[in-house]
Protein backbone atom coordinates (compact mmCIF):
# COMPACT_ATOMS: atom_id res chain seq x y z
CA MET A 1 -18.09 17.71 41.51
CA LYS A 2 -17.31 14.29 44.11
CA THR A 3 -14.74 11.94 42.05
CA ILE A 4 -14.13 7.72 43.66
CA PHE A 5 -11.03 9.21 44.75
CA ASP A 6 -12.71 11.52 47.32
CA THR A 7 -15.41 9.35 48.11
CA TYR A 8 -12.71 6.27 49.18
CA THR A 9 -9.09 5.85 49.62
CA ASP A 10 -6.63 3.77 47.98
CA SER A 11 -6.43 1.27 50.07
CA GLU A 12 -10.48 1.05 50.38
CA LEU A 13 -10.98 1.47 46.23
CA LYS A 14 -8.46 -1.73 45.87
CA GLU A 15 -10.62 -3.94 48.11
CA ILE A 16 -13.68 -3.13 47.15
CA LEU A 17 -12.75 -3.45 43.20
CA GLN A 18 -11.40 -6.54 44.25
CA LYS A 19 -14.45 -8.01 45.27
CA ILE A 20 -16.35 -6.97 42.84
CA VAL A 21 -13.99 -8.24 40.01
CA SER A 22 -14.46 -11.47 42.13
CA PHE A 23 -18.43 -11.10 42.10
CA ILE A 24 -18.39 -10.29 38.63
CA ARG A 25 -15.95 -13.78 38.00
CA ASN A 26 -18.08 -15.51 39.67
CA GLY A 27 -21.42 -15.37 38.01
CA ARG A 28 -23.42 -13.13 40.41
CA THR A 29 -26.66 -11.10 39.18
CA LEU A 30 -26.32 -6.85 39.36
CA GLU A 31 -28.74 -6.46 42.00
CA PHE A 32 -26.31 -9.39 44.04
CA ILE A 33 -23.13 -6.57 43.45
CA LYS A 34 -25.25 -3.60 44.72
CA LYS A 35 -26.60 -5.17 47.90
CA ASN A 36 -23.35 -6.19 48.81
CA ALA A 37 -21.29 -4.01 47.72
CA PRO A 38 -21.10 -0.02 48.93
CA LYS A 39 -23.24 1.49 48.03
CA ALA A 40 -21.57 5.76 47.29
CA GLN A 41 -21.02 5.20 43.04
CA ILE A 42 -21.70 1.90 43.09
CA ASN A 43 -22.27 1.83 39.37
CA GLU A 44 -18.92 3.60 38.38
CA LEU A 45 -17.08 1.08 40.47
CA ILE A 46 -18.85 -1.68 38.62
CA SER A 47 -17.72 -0.16 35.45
CA ILE A 48 -14.29 -0.08 37.04
CA ALA A 49 -14.32 -3.74 37.59
CA LYS A 50 -15.90 -4.46 34.65
CA ALA A 51 -13.17 -2.46 33.10
CA GLN A 52 -10.49 -3.98 34.54
CA ILE A 53 -11.90 -7.67 33.62
CA LYS A 54 -11.78 -6.98 29.92
CA ASN A 55 -8.68 -5.15 29.57
CA THR A 56 -6.00 -6.00 27.02
CA LYS A 57 -5.37 -1.90 26.36
CA THR A 58 -2.82 -1.53 28.65
CA THR A 59 -0.67 -2.99 31.22
CA HIS A 60 -0.76 0.08 34.45
CA GLN A 61 -2.47 -0.83 37.09
CA ILE A 62 -4.70 2.38 36.55
CA TYR A 63 -8.25 3.62 36.48
CA PHE A 64 -10.61 3.44 33.88
CA SER A 65 -13.87 2.92 33.43
CA GLU A 66 -15.97 0.77 30.64
CA GLU A 67 -16.50 4.02 28.40
CA ASP A 68 -13.01 4.97 29.21
CA LEU A 69 -11.64 2.00 28.09
CA GLN A 70 -13.68 1.41 24.14
CA PHE A 71 -11.75 4.55 23.55
CA ALA A 72 -8.34 4.25 25.10
CA THR A 73 -4.86 4.24 23.81
CA PRO A 74 -3.23 0.76 23.32
CA ASP A 75 0.16 1.11 25.32
CA MET A 76 1.97 -0.19 21.90
CA ILE A 77 0.16 3.36 20.32
CA ALA A 78 1.09 5.48 22.91
CA GLU A 79 4.49 4.32 22.88
CA TYR A 80 4.99 4.43 19.39
CA ARG A 81 3.46 8.21 19.02
CA ALA A 82 5.21 9.73 22.41
CA LYS A 83 8.64 8.03 20.47
CA LYS A 84 7.69 9.84 17.39
CA LEU A 85 6.40 13.09 19.13
CA LYS A 86 9.74 13.20 21.95
CA THR A 87 10.10 17.02 22.53
CA ASP A 88 10.85 19.21 25.50
CA THR A 89 6.92 20.47 26.10
CA ILE A 90 4.14 18.45 24.30
CA ILE A 91 0.86 20.30 24.90
CA GLU A 92 -1.49 17.48 24.99
CA LEU A 93 -5.22 18.21 23.56
CA GLY A 94 -8.11 15.74 25.02
CA CYS A 95 -6.19 14.13 27.86
CA GLY A 96 -8.81 11.95 28.82
CA ILE A 97 -8.00 9.40 31.92
CA GLY A 98 -4.29 9.62 31.15
CA LEU A 99 -3.23 6.65 29.21
CA GLN A 100 -1.14 8.96 25.74
CA THR A 101 -0.39 11.25 28.88
CA ILE A 102 1.98 8.27 30.98
CA ALA A 103 3.84 7.91 27.95
CA PHE A 104 4.50 11.18 26.42
CA ALA A 105 5.88 11.82 30.45
CA LYS A 106 8.33 8.90 29.91
CA GLU A 107 9.41 10.99 26.87
CA CYS A 108 9.34 14.30 27.15
CA LYS A 109 10.09 16.69 29.58
CA LYS A 110 6.97 18.14 30.19
CA VAL A 111 3.50 17.57 29.71
CA ILE A 112 0.61 19.70 29.44
CA ALA A 113 -2.48 18.04 29.65
CA ILE A 114 -6.27 19.61 28.50
CA ASP A 115 -9.58 18.05 28.88
CA ILE A 116 -13.34 19.35 28.87
CA ASP A 117 -14.54 16.46 31.60
CA LYS A 118 -13.59 17.03 34.78
CA ARG A 119 -14.29 12.78 35.91
CA LYS A 120 -11.53 12.60 33.22
CA ILE A 121 -9.20 14.80 34.46
CA ALA A 122 -9.73 13.33 37.95
CA TYR A 123 -8.89 10.03 36.50
CA ALA A 124 -5.60 10.72 34.86
CA LYS A 125 -4.10 12.90 38.12
CA LYS A 126 -4.89 10.19 39.82
CA ASN A 127 -3.46 7.15 37.25
CA ILE A 128 -0.84 9.75 37.20
CA SER A 129 -0.10 9.90 40.78
CA LEU A 130 0.08 5.89 41.06
CA LEU A 131 2.95 6.11 38.84
CA GLY A 132 4.84 8.40 40.21
CA ILE A 133 4.60 10.21 37.49
CA SER A 134 5.62 14.45 38.09
CA ASN A 135 6.12 16.07 35.07
CA VAL A 136 2.63 16.56 34.00
CA THR A 137 0.68 20.27 33.90
CA PHE A 138 -3.35 19.37 33.94
CA ILE A 139 -5.63 21.89 32.98
CA TYR A 140 -9.30 21.56 33.01
CA GLY A 141 -11.21 23.19 30.04
CA ASP A 142 -11.98 23.75 26.46
CA ALA A 143 -8.84 23.50 24.61
CA LEU A 144 -9.99 26.31 22.44
CA ASP A 145 -11.10 28.78 25.33
CA GLU A 146 -8.26 31.79 25.11
CA HIS A 147 -7.72 31.59 28.74
CA ILE A 148 -6.57 27.98 28.28
CA ILE A 149 -4.81 28.42 25.41
CA LYS A 150 -3.24 31.76 27.02
CA GLN A 151 -1.49 28.63 29.58
CA CYS A 152 0.22 26.88 27.06
CA LYS A 153 3.46 26.74 25.39
CA GLY A 154 5.26 23.77 24.27
CA ASP A 155 6.68 22.14 20.83
CA LYS A 156 4.86 20.18 19.92
CA VAL A 157 0.91 19.81 20.23
CA PHE A 158 -1.33 16.64 20.07
CA LEU A 159 -5.25 16.22 19.69
CA ASP A 160 -7.31 13.18 20.32
CA PRO A 161 -10.74 14.65 19.77
CA GLU A 162 -13.66 13.21 20.97
CA ARG A 163 -15.83 11.05 18.91
CA LYS A 164 -19.76 9.63 18.83
CA GLN A 165 -20.05 6.55 20.44
CA THR A 166 -22.72 5.01 17.90
CA GLU A 167 -22.05 6.26 14.20
CA LYS A 168 -22.89 4.59 11.47
CA GLU A 169 -19.97 6.38 9.67
CA ARG A 170 -17.22 8.31 11.11
CA THR A 171 -17.24 11.74 10.12
CA LEU A 172 -14.99 15.43 10.93
CA ALA A 173 -18.11 17.10 11.33
CA THR A 174 -19.20 15.62 14.43
CA ILE A 175 -15.55 15.55 15.95
CA THR A 176 -15.38 18.06 18.82
CA PRO A 177 -12.72 20.09 19.51
CA ASN A 178 -13.47 21.55 16.29
CA ILE A 179 -9.71 20.70 14.05
CA GLN A 180 -9.47 23.95 12.06
CA LYS A 181 -9.91 26.04 15.17
CA ILE A 182 -7.45 24.10 16.75
CA ILE A 183 -4.77 24.08 14.24
CA ALA A 184 -5.22 27.36 13.98
CA ALA A 185 -4.98 28.31 17.31
CA TYR A 186 -1.90 26.32 17.59
CA LYS A 187 -0.04 27.21 15.15
CA GLU A 188 1.55 30.29 16.47
CA ILE A 189 2.10 27.86 19.34
CA ALA A 190 3.88 24.32 18.78
CA SER A 191 6.02 23.94 15.96
CA GLU A 192 4.13 20.51 14.78
CA ILE A 193 1.06 19.46 15.12
CA CYS A 194 -0.50 15.85 15.05
CA ILE A 195 -3.86 14.94 15.01
CA GLU A 196 -5.52 11.71 15.75
CA LEU A 197 -8.34 10.50 13.05
CA PRO A 198 -10.79 7.52 13.10
CA PRO A 199 -9.22 5.78 10.78
CA GLN A 200 -12.34 4.57 8.71
CA ILE A 201 -13.14 7.70 7.73
CA GLN A 202 -13.44 8.43 4.23
CA GLU A 203 -10.38 10.18 2.36
CA ASP A 204 -12.43 12.94 0.79
CA MET A 205 -14.10 14.11 4.30
CA ILE A 206 -10.15 14.59 4.43
CA THR A 207 -9.80 16.76 1.50
CA GLN A 208 -13.05 18.17 1.43
CA GLU A 209 -11.75 20.19 4.61
CA LYS A 210 -8.86 21.61 3.15
CA ILE A 211 -6.33 20.12 5.85
CA ALA A 212 -2.83 20.69 4.86
CA PHE A 213 -0.89 18.00 6.07
CA ASP A 214 2.72 16.59 5.79
CA GLU A 215 1.96 13.18 6.55
CA LYS A 216 -0.94 11.46 6.76
CA GLU A 217 -0.06 7.71 9.01
CA TYR A 218 -2.11 5.27 8.90
CA ILE A 219 -1.05 2.79 11.61
CA SER A 220 -2.25 -1.17 12.17
CA ILE A 221 -1.50 -3.80 14.90
CA ASN A 222 -0.73 -7.59 13.79
CA GLY A 223 -2.21 -6.33 10.85
CA LYS A 224 -5.46 -4.75 11.63
CA ILE A 225 -6.40 -0.84 11.32
CA ASN A 226 -5.76 0.02 14.81
CA ARG A 227 -5.03 4.86 14.28
CA LEU A 228 -4.80 7.16 11.73
CA HIS A 229 -2.39 10.13 12.36
CA ILE A 230 -2.03 13.87 10.41
CA TYR A 231 1.34 16.06 10.94
CA ILE A 232 1.15 19.28 10.53
CA ASP A 233 4.77 21.14 10.44
CA ASN A 234 3.98 25.00 11.40
CA LYS A 235 7.57 25.93 9.83
CA ARG A 236 6.51 24.56 6.08
CA ASP A 237 4.41 26.74 4.07
CA LYS A 238 0.74 25.97 3.30
CA LYS A 239 2.32 25.55 -0.59
CA GLU A 240 5.56 23.05 0.52
CA LYS A 241 3.76 20.24 3.05
CA LYS A 242 4.43 17.89 1.36
CA GLU A 243 1.33 15.46 1.98
CA LEU A 244 2.95 12.30 2.78
CA ILE A 245 1.00 9.18 2.92
CA THR A 246 2.78 6.12 5.15
CA ALA A 247 1.75 3.00 6.87
CA VAL A 248 3.54 1.82 10.03
CA SER A 249 2.74 -1.90 11.47
CA LEU A 250 3.31 -2.50 14.52
CA PRO A 251 4.83 -4.38 16.74
CA SER A 252 7.80 -4.56 13.78
CA GLN A 253 7.62 -0.10 13.37
CA MET A 254 8.17 -1.31 9.87
CA LYS A 255 7.00 1.64 7.32
CA LEU A 256 6.16 1.97 3.73
CA SER A 257 5.25 5.38 2.31
CA SER A 258 4.09 6.85 -1.12
CA GLU A 259 7.69 8.17 -2.14
CA ASP A 260 8.96 4.58 -1.62
CA THR A 261 9.37 2.83 -5.45
CA LEU A 262 6.58 1.22 -7.44
CA PHE A 263 6.11 -2.53 -8.02
CA LYS A 264 2.62 -2.01 -9.86
CA LYS A 265 0.64 -5.27 -9.45
CA LYS A 266 -2.17 -6.57 -11.69
CA ILE A 267 -6.14 -7.22 -10.68
CA VAL A 268 -7.07 -10.43 -11.67
CA SER A 269 -10.69 -11.66 -11.61
CA ALA A 270 -9.73 -15.68 -9.65
CA ILE A 271 -7.61 -17.57 -7.77
CA THR A 272 -6.19 -20.17 -10.37
CA LYS A 273 -4.22 -23.29 -9.78
CA GLU A 274 -0.88 -21.09 -11.30
CA TYR A 275 -0.62 -19.57 -7.92
CA SER A 276 1.10 -20.57 -5.15
CA PHE A 277 1.08 -18.37 -2.60
CA LEU A 278 -2.33 -15.91 -0.92
CA ALA A 279 -1.45 -13.01 1.41
CA GLU A 280 -3.16 -10.79 3.16
CA ILE A 281 -2.12 -7.60 3.16
CA ASP A 282 -2.18 -5.12 6.02
CA GLU A 283 -5.28 -3.12 6.96
CA ALA A 284 -2.97 0.28 6.95
CA VAL A 285 -1.09 -0.49 3.98
CA GLN A 286 -4.66 -0.82 2.29
CA LYS A 287 -5.85 1.87 3.89
CA ALA A 288 -3.49 4.41 2.84
CA SER A 289 -3.29 2.44 -0.68
CA LEU A 290 0.30 1.63 -0.40
CA ILE A 291 0.09 -1.19 -1.85
CA ASP A 292 2.05 -1.14 -4.76
CA THR A 293 4.76 0.11 -2.74
CA LEU A 294 5.06 -3.64 -1.34
CA PRO A 295 8.59 -4.85 -2.76
CA VAL A 296 6.76 -7.53 -4.43
CA GLU A 297 5.34 -8.89 -7.78
CA GLY A 298 1.96 -10.59 -7.71
CA ASP A 299 -1.56 -9.74 -8.66
CA LEU A 300 -3.87 -8.45 -6.97
CA PHE A 301 -7.62 -10.60 -6.46
CA ILE A 302 -10.36 -7.93 -4.60
CA TRP A 303 -13.06 -9.66 -2.87
CA LYS A 304 -15.43 -7.29 -2.05
CA ASN A 305 -13.33 -4.30 -1.17
CA LYS A 306 -10.49 -6.04 0.61
CA GLN A 307 -7.55 -6.79 -1.42
CA PHE A 308 -5.41 -10.41 -1.75
CA LEU A 309 -1.56 -10.59 -3.01
CA ILE A 310 -1.36 -13.54 -4.63
CA LEU A 311 1.95 -14.91 -6.05
CA ARG A 312 3.46 -18.02 -7.83
CA LYS A 313 6.63 -19.73 -6.53
CA LYS A 314 9.14 -17.57 -8.66
CA GLU A 315 7.85 -14.87 -7.32
CA ILE A 316 8.68 -15.14 -3.71
CA ASN A 317 11.25 -12.88 -2.78
CA PRO A 318 13.85 -11.61 0.33
CA PHE A 319 11.05 -9.33 1.50
CA LEU A 320 9.09 -12.46 2.50
CA GLN A 321 11.54 -14.11 4.00
CA PRO A 322 11.24 -13.81 6.98
CA GLN A 323 7.86 -12.77 6.63
CA SER A 324 6.97 -9.07 5.89
CA PRO A 325 5.05 -7.92 8.73
CA PHE A 326 2.14 -6.32 5.82
CA LEU A 327 1.77 -9.65 4.41
CA LYS A 328 0.24 -12.84 6.58
CA LEU A 329 1.60 -15.62 4.13
CA HIS A 330 -0.49 -18.76 3.07
CA LEU A 331 0.57 -21.68 1.27
CA PHE A 332 -2.13 -22.30 -1.78
CA ILE A 333 -3.54 -25.93 -1.69
CA ASP A 334 -7.19 -25.79 -4.01
CA THR A 335 -10.02 -24.73 -4.63
CA ALA A 336 -13.62 -26.38 -4.11
CA LYS A 337 -16.74 -25.05 -5.91
CA ASN A 338 -19.44 -26.52 -3.26
CA LYS A 339 -19.31 -27.55 0.04
CA GLU A 340 -19.14 -31.36 -0.35
CA GLU A 341 -16.15 -30.82 -3.03
CA LEU A 342 -14.63 -28.97 -0.26
CA ILE A 343 -14.68 -32.06 2.34
CA LEU A 344 -13.42 -34.29 -0.61
CA LYS A 345 -10.29 -31.86 -0.97
CA LEU A 346 -9.76 -31.28 2.85
CA GLN A 347 -10.34 -35.02 3.57
CA LYS A 348 -7.55 -35.93 0.69
CA GLN A 349 -4.65 -33.01 1.97
CA ASP A 350 -5.07 -35.26 6.09
CA ILE A 351 -6.94 -31.93 6.82
CA GLY A 352 -8.51 -31.94 10.72
CA LYS A 353 -8.99 -28.27 11.83
CA ILE A 354 -10.18 -25.33 9.69
CA LEU A 355 -10.26 -21.59 10.20
CA ILE A 356 -12.29 -19.77 8.15
CA ARG A 357 -11.66 -16.69 6.80
CA GLY A 358 -13.90 -14.09 4.16
CA SER A 359 -17.40 -13.81 3.28
CA ILE A 360 -19.13 -15.56 6.40
CA SER A 361 -21.05 -13.84 9.05
CA ASN A 362 -20.60 -13.97 12.97
CA GLU A 363 -23.50 -16.38 13.28
CA GLU A 364 -22.61 -18.40 10.84
CA TYR A 365 -18.91 -18.53 11.55
CA TRP A 366 -19.19 -22.35 14.08
CA PRO A 367 -22.53 -23.60 12.44
CA PHE A 368 -20.71 -23.96 9.09
CA ARG A 369 -17.57 -24.83 10.50
CA LYS A 370 -18.80 -27.75 12.63
CA SER A 371 -20.72 -29.02 9.76
CA ILE A 372 -17.28 -29.54 7.75
CA GLU A 373 -15.45 -30.39 10.73
CA GLN A 374 -16.77 -33.80 11.74
CA ASN A 375 -16.58 -35.30 8.35
CA LEU A 376 -12.50 -34.70 8.67
CA LYS A 377 -10.02 -37.20 10.87
CA GLY A 378 -6.76 -35.96 9.53
CA ASN A 379 -4.32 -33.87 11.30
CA LYS A 380 -3.25 -30.98 9.94
CA THR A 381 -5.18 -26.97 10.06
CA ALA A 382 -5.76 -25.06 6.78
CA GLU A 383 -7.36 -21.70 7.06
CA VAL A 384 -10.31 -21.80 4.02
CA PHE A 385 -11.83 -18.61 2.46
CA ILE A 386 -14.86 -18.07 1.29
CA PHE A 387 -14.84 -16.59 -2.09
CA SER A 388 -17.04 -17.20 -5.12
CA ASP A 389 -15.24 -20.40 -4.91
CA TYR A 390 -13.83 -22.41 -1.01
CA VAL A 391 -9.86 -21.45 -1.57
CA ILE A 392 -8.07 -23.85 1.14
CA THR A 393 -4.55 -22.41 2.17
CA ILE A 394 -1.95 -23.86 4.50
CA PRO A 395 -0.76 -21.07 6.70
CA LEU A 396 2.83 -20.16 7.00
CA LYS A 397 2.38 -18.41 10.32
CA GLU A 398 1.03 -19.35 13.15
CA ASP A 399 -2.85 -18.41 13.55
CA LYS A 400 -5.19 -17.12 16.76
CA GLU A 401 -8.41 -19.03 16.71
CA ASN A 402 -11.46 -16.75 15.15
């Protein structure tokens, strides 16, 4: 298979991509770009240029397409994972275009990187060479092929399986290669196996597959769920598996665990004036069902499967000061039954700008927000949660626009 790296030199690629990026940023049509750029593999070149413009996942100056970027591992995750799995030799199954490989190469003495996609292997090799990394051995082929398995000798295995681009519900049945077969094939080769799973996957699907794990780890970035890992210690017998559940918040790397002390929280049906604070709970904590390990008192308010911690003033403790990365704290101001009452109460609080949270679609967001803000002249910013009532809060931490 001829790749873009066979067609163009490094300097030619750099010049061509800079040109295409400029065309895209200046609003040129696809027809114009194709007419004024080299013809060979033009669609791939355009995809790389678009990916460079959209990229927020990595600071490495490397090659990847739009599809590669969609599934790419963010640097923050790759670095955390590489440090946790640090060893002499790691076997990476499903290396893709090499973002995780780069992180592994910095932490491990040797990386054996395998992928079944020739184009991705070509990209990974080029990306590694661009960064001057020399401790990676690439193997093209199926990770379950006996000839490939025989070439693998290492301490730990990491599997990033392939998932369908569009799925209404993530399932283990559509993941390749088959997870159970990978575990069986590599358990005698490596002492530990780490497998990435879709974080949206239902808990009962993992149970149904009867995957015996030592740790199930949910990871968030800035409060949003990003990754799910299961770790399997091959030195432990199936009956000795700990099945520890953890939630990790990045970039802080703070962790909660199912072995932590429990602080039971009562579920309430409404947010009333007896409360002083509302806290958004990190999605990793919610996915891991570890809310009761948060070392704070308070009650739980649940709205459309999303859970919020509501606290009285006396319940604020050192865990929240400075604010825990697992909780985004808001000062509770007031509630309103309807839009008109909401506007009046925002005016009374000298609010001039609002951010909307809760039950509102992307299409409704800006029209609704503008219809409120056109009646406001204050200097403060509030966040309004749309539940059965409107809940007015002031964020205690700077927030970004919706």
